[in-house]
Amino acid sequence: MNDRFVVNRRSGKDRRANRGFTLKSLFIYGRREEIRRQEDRREIFLVDRYSSALFAAIVLILFLSVIDALLTLILIGHGAKEINPLMAYLLEIEPKIFMMVKYLLTCTSLVIFLVFRNIFLQSIKIYSRALFSIFICVFVTVIVWELFLICRVVIFGEN
């Protein structure tokens, strides 16, 4: 092939330069699920598609958060005290407000961790996406403890 007939169709603009988040990429054109290049792993990099396992983890965390709040309300009804001062204040105002704020705080933190899930946390030597599993373990532990307390107080009548 003759080199004088080759057309260079490159615009000179790097497509990777625009790393912003758009709603269009989320609903229609999103194709980036993972970070492929090593140099991109060193900075905050937004993706526009997420795995079904990550979606399941988020739904499970939200479900466990609601179960935790409901069990807390049962324990409060049987004379327990809320240790967290903010949540104790919200319980005094109205249990519905307590539930809403707990759910909104959980949702907000999940969105933050979702956006920054590819960041390597130097201080603890893990990627932030591992925190989803840690959150699930913490919620399960708290719920098991609350169920133990409910069994002890409600079923066996201990204080």
C-alpha atoms as a PDB file:
ATOM      1  CA  MET A   1       0.000   0.000   0.000  1.00  0.00           C
ATOM      2  CA  ASN A   2       1.238   3.450  -0.859  1.00  0.00           C
ATOM      3  CA  ASP A   3       1.823   5.745   2.167  1.00  0.00           C
ATOM      4  CA  ARG A   4       0.626   8.873   0.450  1.00  0.00           C
ATOM      5  CA  PHE A   5      -2.960   7.555   0.317  1.00  0.00           C
ATOM      6  CA  VAL A   6      -3.171   6.695   4.046  1.00  0.00           C
ATOM      7  CA  VAL A   7      -5.497   9.065   5.846  1.00  0.00           C
ATOM      8  CA  ASN A   8      -4.868   9.798   9.498  1.00  0.00           C
ATOM      9  CA  ARG A   9      -8.319   9.972  11.111  1.00  0.00           C
ATOM     10  CA  ARG A  10      -7.122  10.786  14.589  1.00  0.00           C
ATOM     11  CA  SER A  11      -8.240  14.107  15.937  1.00  0.00           C
ATOM     12  CA  GLY A  12      -5.265  14.496  18.246  1.00  0.00           C
ATOM     13  CA  LYS A  13      -7.537  14.579  21.278  1.00  0.00           C
ATOM     14  CA  ASP A  14      -7.195  11.786  23.853  1.00  0.00           C
ATOM     15  CA  ARG A  15     -10.588  10.175  24.524  1.00  0.00           C
ATOM     16  CA  ARG A  16      -9.480   9.283  28.057  1.00  0.00           C
ATOM     17  CA  ALA A  17      -9.012  12.959  28.951  1.00  0.00           C
ATOM     18  CA  ASN A  18     -12.722  13.375  29.757  1.00  0.00           C
ATOM     19  CA  ARG A  19     -13.290  11.252  32.840  1.00  0.00           C
ATOM     20  CA  GLY A  20     -16.347  13.045  34.070  1.00  0.00           C
ATOM     21  CA  PHE A  21     -19.567  11.354  35.034  1.00  0.00           C
ATOM     22  CA  THR A  22     -22.604  11.881  32.824  1.00  0.00           C
ATOM     23  CA  LEU A  23     -26.118  10.564  33.160  1.00  0.00           C
ATOM     24  CA  LYS A  24     -26.008   9.595  29.485  1.00  0.00           C
ATOM     25  CA  SER A  25     -23.174   7.170  30.171  1.00  0.00           C
ATOM     26  CA  LEU A  26     -25.053   5.702  33.111  1.00  0.00           C
ATOM     27  CA  PHE A  27     -28.273   4.911  31.246  1.00  0.00           C
ATOM     28  CA  ILE A  28     -27.387   4.536  27.573  1.00  0.00           C
ATOM     29  CA  TYR A  29     -23.751   4.403  26.579  1.00  0.00           C
ATOM     30  CA  GLY A  30     -21.975   3.147  29.685  1.00  0.00           C
ATOM     31  CA  ARG A  31     -19.457   0.416  28.972  1.00  0.00           C
ATOM     32  CA  ARG A  32     -16.629   0.880  31.459  1.00  0.00           C
ATOM     33  CA  GLU A  33     -16.930  -1.622  34.305  1.00  0.00           C
ATOM     34  CA  GLU A  34     -13.304  -1.903  35.374  1.00  0.00           C
ATOM     35  CA  ILE A  35     -10.085   0.053  35.218  1.00  0.00           C
ATOM     36  CA  ARG A  36      -7.828  -1.480  32.586  1.00  0.00           C
ATOM     37  CA  ARG A  37      -4.702   0.648  32.588  1.00  0.00           C
ATOM     38  CA  GLN A  38      -2.203   0.596  35.440  1.00  0.00           C
ATOM     39  CA  GLU A  39      -1.681   4.370  35.348  1.00  0.00           C
ATOM     40  CA  ASP A  40      -5.428   4.904  35.819  1.00  0.00           C
ATOM     41  CA  ARG A  41      -5.384   2.840  39.026  1.00  0.00           C
ATOM     42  CA  ARG A  42      -3.325   5.496  40.804  1.00  0.00           C
ATOM     43  CA  GLU A  43      -6.043   8.140  40.736  1.00  0.00           C
ATOM     44  CA  ILE A  44      -9.784   8.477  41.211  1.00  0.00           C
ATOM     45  CA  PHE A  45     -11.405   6.909  38.190  1.00  0.00           C
ATOM     46  CA  LEU A  46     -15.159   6.705  37.725  1.00  0.00           C
ATOM     47  CA  VAL A  47     -16.762   3.780  35.976  1.00  0.00           C
ATOM     48  CA  ASP A  48     -20.264   3.714  34.560  1.00  0.00           C
ATOM     49  CA  ARG A  49     -21.208   0.044  34.969  1.00  0.00           C
ATOM     50  CA  TYR A  50     -21.099  -2.053  38.096  1.00  0.00           C
ATOM     51  CA  SER A  51     -21.098  -5.787  38.661  1.00  0.00           C
ATOM     52  CA  SER A  52     -24.145  -7.682  39.854  1.00  0.00           C
ATOM     53  CA  ALA A  53     -22.150  -8.880  42.889  1.00  0.00           C
ATOM     54  CA  LEU A  54     -21.561  -5.270  43.921  1.00  0.00           C
ATOM     55  CA  PHE A  55     -25.261  -4.502  43.431  1.00  0.00           C
ATOM     56  CA  ALA A  56     -26.162  -7.511  45.611  1.00  0.00           C
ATOM     57  CA  ALA A  57     -23.737  -6.350  48.313  1.00  0.00           C
ATOM     58  CA  ILE A  58     -25.286  -2.867  48.354  1.00  0.00           C
ATOM     59  CA  VAL A  59     -28.836  -4.222  48.538  1.00  0.00           C
ATOM     60  CA  LEU A  60     -27.786  -6.594  51.336  1.00  0.00           C
ATOM     61  CA  ILE A  61     -26.180  -3.749  53.306  1.00  0.00           C
ATOM     62  CA  LEU A  62     -29.341  -1.635  52.965  1.00  0.00           C
ATOM     63  CA  PHE A  63     -31.493  -4.586  54.053  1.00  0.00           C
ATOM     64  CA  LEU A  64     -29.251  -5.305  57.053  1.00  0.00           C
ATOM     65  CA  SER A  65     -29.328  -1.628  58.017  1.00  0.00           C
ATOM     66  CA  VAL A  66     -33.130  -1.645  58.106  1.00  0.00           C
ATOM     67  CA  ILE A  67     -33.172  -4.905  60.120  1.00  0.00           C
ATOM     68  CA  ASP A  68     -30.657  -3.362  62.542  1.00  0.00           C
ATOM     69  CA  ALA A  69     -32.877  -0.302  62.992  1.00  0.00           C
ATOM     70  CA  LEU A  70     -35.994  -2.409  63.583  1.00  0.00           C
ATOM     71  CA  LEU A  71     -34.235  -4.618  66.125  1.00  0.00           C
ATOM     72  CA  THR A  72     -32.908  -1.491  67.846  1.00  0.00           C
ATOM     73  CA  LEU A  73     -36.475  -0.193  68.146  1.00  0.00           C
ATOM     74  CA  ILE A  74     -37.587  -3.515  69.674  1.00  0.00           C
ATOM     75  CA  LEU A  75     -34.759  -3.364  72.200  1.00  0.00           C
ATOM     76  CA  ILE A  76     -35.496   0.282  73.039  1.00  0.00           C
ATOM     77  CA  GLY A  77     -39.112  -0.704  73.638  1.00  0.00           C
ATOM     78  CA  HIS A  78     -37.895  -3.231  76.215  1.00  0.00           C
ATOM     79  CA  GLY A  79     -35.757  -0.778  78.159  1.00  0.00           C
ATOM     80  CA  ALA A  80     -32.446  -0.776  76.290  1.00  0.00           C
ATOM     81  CA  LYS A  81     -30.505   2.443  75.714  1.00  0.00           C
ATOM     82  CA  GLU A  82     -29.028   3.681  72.443  1.00  0.00           C
ATOM     83  CA  ILE A  83     -25.282   4.287  72.832  1.00  0.00           C
ATOM     84  CA  ASN A  84     -24.869   6.542  69.786  1.00  0.00           C
ATOM     85  CA  PRO A  85     -25.769  10.092  70.977  1.00  0.00           C
ATOM     86  CA  LEU A  86     -27.079  11.227  67.584  1.00  0.00           C
ATOM     87  CA  MET A  87     -29.304   8.182  67.192  1.00  0.00           C
ATOM     88  CA  ALA A  88     -30.460   8.460  70.831  1.00  0.00           C
ATOM     89  CA  TYR A  89     -31.479  12.069  70.173  1.00  0.00           C
ATOM     90  CA  LEU A  90     -33.363  11.052  67.023  1.00  0.00           C
ATOM     91  CA  LEU A  91     -35.120   8.252  68.929  1.00  0.00           C
ATOM     92  CA  GLU A  92     -36.306  10.805  71.486  1.00  0.00           C
ATOM     93  CA  ILE A  93     -37.769  12.949  68.717  1.00  0.00           C
ATOM     94  CA  GLU A  94     -39.520  10.199  66.741  1.00  0.00           C
ATOM     95  CA  PRO A  95     -38.702   6.587  65.821  1.00  0.00           C
ATOM     96  CA  LYS A  96     -39.653   7.287  62.190  1.00  0.00           C
ATOM     97  CA  ILE A  97     -37.060  10.054  62.001  1.00  0.00           C
ATOM     98  CA  PHE A  98     -34.507   7.660  63.526  1.00  0.00           C
ATOM     99  CA  MET A  99     -35.284   5.112  60.797  1.00  0.00           C
ATOM    100  CA  MET A 100     -35.123   7.699  57.993  1.00  0.00           C
ATOM    101  CA  VAL A 101     -31.840   9.227  59.143  1.00  0.00           C
ATOM    102  CA  LYS A 102     -30.239   5.810  59.656  1.00  0.00           C
ATOM    103  CA  TYR A 103     -31.315   4.733  56.163  1.00  0.00           C
ATOM    104  CA  LEU A 104     -30.160   8.012  54.557  1.00  0.00           C
ATOM    105  CA  LEU A 105     -26.779   7.863  56.319  1.00  0.00           C
ATOM    106  CA  THR A 106     -26.317   4.296  55.108  1.00  0.00           C
ATOM    107  CA  CYS A 107     -27.305   5.244  51.545  1.00  0.00           C
ATOM    108  CA  THR A 108     -25.014   8.264  51.514  1.00  0.00           C
ATOM    109  CA  SER A 109     -22.029   6.308  52.779  1.00  0.00           C
ATOM    110  CA  LEU A 110     -22.679   3.537  50.237  1.00  0.00           C
ATOM    111  CA  VAL A 111     -22.731   6.045  47.376  1.00  0.00           C
ATOM    112  CA  ILE A 112     -19.446   7.543  48.578  1.00  0.00           C
ATOM    113  CA  PHE A 113     -17.814   4.122  48.859  1.00  0.00           C
ATOM    114  CA  LEU A 114     -19.237   3.133  45.469  1.00  0.00           C
ATOM    115  CA  VAL A 115     -17.690   6.152  43.763  1.00  0.00           C
ATOM    116  CA  PHE A 116     -14.325   5.598  45.443  1.00  0.00           C
ATOM    117  CA  ARG A 117     -14.355   1.791  45.329  1.00  0.00           C
ATOM    118  CA  ASN A 118     -11.156   1.545  43.243  1.00  0.00           C
ATOM    119  CA  ILE A 119      -8.960   3.520  45.636  1.00  0.00           C
ATOM    120  CA  PHE A 120      -6.148   1.643  47.368  1.00  0.00           C
ATOM    121  CA  LEU A 121      -6.093   2.527  51.061  1.00  0.00           C
ATOM    122  CA  GLN A 122      -2.403   2.675  51.926  1.00  0.00           C
ATOM    123  CA  SER A 123      -2.886   2.818  55.685  1.00  0.00           C
ATOM    124  CA  ILE A 124      -4.703  -0.543  55.872  1.00  0.00           C
ATOM    125  CA  LYS A 125      -3.338  -2.035  52.620  1.00  0.00           C
ATOM    126  CA  ILE A 126      -6.647  -2.898  50.931  1.00  0.00           C
ATOM    127  CA  TYR A 127      -8.785  -1.556  48.123  1.00  0.00           C
ATOM    128  CA  SER A 128     -11.817   0.361  49.321  1.00  0.00           C
ATOM    129  CA  ARG A 129     -14.132  -2.092  47.499  1.00  0.00           C
ATOM    130  CA  ALA A 130     -13.280  -4.625  50.244  1.00  0.00           C
ATOM    131  CA  LEU A 131     -15.087  -2.366  52.696  1.00  0.00           C
ATOM    132  CA  PHE A 132     -18.431  -3.597  51.340  1.00  0.00           C
ATOM    133  CA  SER A 133     -17.667  -7.083  52.688  1.00  0.00           C
ATOM    134  CA  ILE A 134     -16.502  -5.584  55.975  1.00  0.00           C
ATOM    135  CA  PHE A 135     -19.756  -3.608  56.282  1.00  0.00           C
ATOM    136  CA  ILE A 136     -21.763  -6.785  55.726  1.00  0.00           C
ATOM    137  CA  CYS A 137     -19.783  -8.620  58.418  1.00  0.00           C
ATOM    138  CA  VAL A 138     -20.222  -5.756  60.884  1.00  0.00           C
ATOM    139  CA  PHE A 139     -23.972  -5.525  60.268  1.00  0.00           C
ATOM    140  CA  VAL A 140     -24.400  -9.301  60.610  1.00  0.00           C
ATOM    141  CA  THR A 141     -22.442  -9.251  63.880  1.00  0.00           C
ATOM    142  CA  VAL A 142     -24.563  -6.399  65.262  1.00  0.00           C
ATOM    143  CA  ILE A 143     -27.797  -8.122  64.223  1.00  0.00           C
ATOM    144  CA  VAL A 144     -26.738 -11.419  65.826  1.00  0.00           C
ATOM    145  CA  TRP A 145     -25.918  -9.515  69.026  1.00  0.00           C
ATOM    146  CA  GLU A 146     -29.289  -7.747  68.953  1.00  0.00           C
ATOM    147  CA  LEU A 147     -31.097 -11.054  68.416  1.00  0.00           C
ATOM    148  CA  PHE A 148     -29.206 -12.497  71.390  1.00  0.00           C
ATOM    149  CA  LEU A 149     -30.278  -9.531  73.529  1.00  0.00           C
ATOM    150  CA  ILE A 150     -33.887  -9.833  72.363  1.00  0.00           C
ATOM    151  CA  CYS A 151     -33.911 -13.548  73.224  1.00  0.00           C
ATOM    152  CA  ARG A 152     -32.407 -12.799  76.616  1.00  0.00           C
ATOM    153  CA  VAL A 153     -34.780  -9.954  77.491  1.00  0.00           C
ATOM    154  CA  VAL A 154     -38.033 -10.918  75.774  1.00  0.00           C
ATOM    155  CA  ILE A 155     -38.007 -14.703  75.936  1.00  0.00           C
ATOM    156  CA  PHE A 156     -36.127 -15.376  79.175  1.00  0.00           C
ATOM    157  CA  GLY A 157     -37.179 -12.204  81.002  1.00  0.00           C
ATOM    158  CA  GLU A 158     -33.639 -11.170  81.996  1.00  0.00           C
ATOM    159  CA  ASN A 159     -32.557  -7.547  82.233  1.00  0.00           C
END
